[in-house]
Structures are given as C-alpha cells and as structure tokens.
Amino acid sequence: MKLPENYGFNISNCVQLEQQKLLGLKSHDFHILMQDLLKIVVRRVLPKEVARVLIKLSSFFKILCSKVINVELF
C-alpha cells in the first residue's frame, strides 16, 4: 500500500514473524491500521457479512476523525 510521505510507518520494522506480533507501534500507527489497512485484511479473511460491517465501521471513524466532515457522507 502506498501512503503519502510521513503519513504511515515502515511496518516491516515492527513485524516479528516468529511471535506473529506487531511491536513498537505508536498511537498514530494504530490509527492508520484501523482506518486504512484493516479494510484490506478483513476483506480476504472474514466472511462477507462480517467484513462489510467492519469496513463500514472503519469508514465511519475515518470520516469522523477527518479535519473536514462532509454531512452528505452520513
């Protein structure tokens, strides 16, 4: 996934494959995971009904946390 400069983080530095964990992330990194990367992961892993709900929830929070809120999106 290509992100704007200084928007994301280098996730490869935080991944520990042996323990299957992400370590050393900051709050902004988790924010990016929840709003952007979660959509990609759940689409392939979870059943369609569950994935659809999580993607809508993630999109809702992305809109809610944005600097400008467009009321028409709700």
Protein backbone atom coordinates (compact mmCIF):
# COMPACT_ATOMS: atom_id res chain seq x y z
CA MET A 1 0.00 0.00 0.00
CA LYS A 2 1.42 3.38 -0.98
CA LEU A 3 0.90 6.13 1.57
CA PRO A 4 1.71 9.84 1.44
CA GLU A 5 5.13 10.79 2.78
CA ASN A 6 5.27 10.92 6.59
CA TYR A 7 1.73 9.56 6.81
CA GLY A 8 2.47 5.98 7.63
CA PHE A 9 5.24 3.96 9.12
CA ASN A 10 7.59 1.23 7.98
CA ILE A 11 5.61 -1.78 9.16
CA SER A 12 8.39 -4.21 8.27
CA ASN A 13 10.46 -2.84 11.16
CA CYS A 14 7.66 -3.63 13.61
CA VAL A 15 6.75 -7.17 12.50
CA GLN A 16 8.01 -10.19 14.41
CA LEU A 17 7.06 -13.22 12.33
CA GLU A 18 8.10 -15.86 14.88
CA GLN A 19 5.72 -14.45 17.51
CA GLN A 20 3.18 -13.16 14.96
CA LYS A 21 3.14 -9.73 16.63
CA LEU A 22 3.45 -6.07 15.77
CA LEU A 23 5.72 -4.32 18.27
CA GLY A 24 6.89 -0.75 18.67
CA LEU A 25 3.88 0.96 17.12
CA LYS A 26 2.78 4.41 18.17
CA SER A 27 -0.84 5.55 18.53
CA HIS A 28 -0.82 7.14 15.06
CA ASP A 29 0.37 3.82 13.59
CA PHE A 30 -2.60 2.01 15.15
CA HIS A 31 -4.86 4.75 13.84
CA ILE A 32 -3.64 4.06 10.30
CA LEU A 33 -4.04 0.31 10.79
CA MET A 34 -7.64 0.67 11.93
CA GLN A 35 -8.73 3.16 9.29
CA ASP A 36 -6.86 2.05 6.19
CA LEU A 37 -5.17 -1.32 6.41
CA LEU A 38 -7.92 -3.16 8.29
CA LYS A 39 -10.21 -2.84 5.28
CA ILE A 40 -7.75 -4.72 3.10
CA VAL A 41 -7.20 -7.52 5.59
CA VAL A 42 -10.79 -8.27 6.61
CA ARG A 43 -11.97 -8.36 3.02
CA ARG A 44 -9.98 -11.54 2.38
CA VAL A 45 -10.02 -13.21 5.80
CA LEU A 46 -13.52 -12.87 7.21
CA PRO A 47 -16.95 -13.82 5.85
CA LYS A 48 -18.51 -11.16 3.62
CA GLU A 49 -21.18 -10.12 6.15
CA VAL A 50 -18.64 -9.57 8.94
CA ALA A 51 -16.16 -7.85 6.64
CA ARG A 52 -18.84 -5.47 5.35
CA VAL A 53 -19.73 -4.34 8.90
CA LEU A 54 -16.08 -3.81 9.89
CA ILE A 55 -15.33 -1.89 6.69
CA LYS A 56 -18.33 0.40 7.24
CA LEU A 57 -17.31 0.95 10.86
CA SER A 58 -13.76 1.74 9.81
CA SER A 59 -15.00 4.16 7.15
CA PHE A 60 -17.31 5.85 9.66
CA PHE A 61 -14.43 6.51 12.06
CA LYS A 62 -12.21 7.72 9.23
CA ILE A 63 -14.86 10.27 8.27
CA LEU A 64 -15.48 11.20 11.90
CA CYS A 65 -11.77 11.80 12.57
CA SER A 66 -11.14 13.80 9.39
CA LYS A 67 -10.42 17.52 9.52
CA VAL A 68 -13.45 18.35 7.37
CA ILE A 69 -16.69 16.43 7.83
CA ASN A 70 -18.97 16.15 4.82
CA VAL A 71 -22.51 15.66 6.19
CA GLU A 72 -23.68 14.14 2.91
CA LEU A 73 -21.50 11.05 3.53
CA PHE A 74 -23.64 10.05 6.51
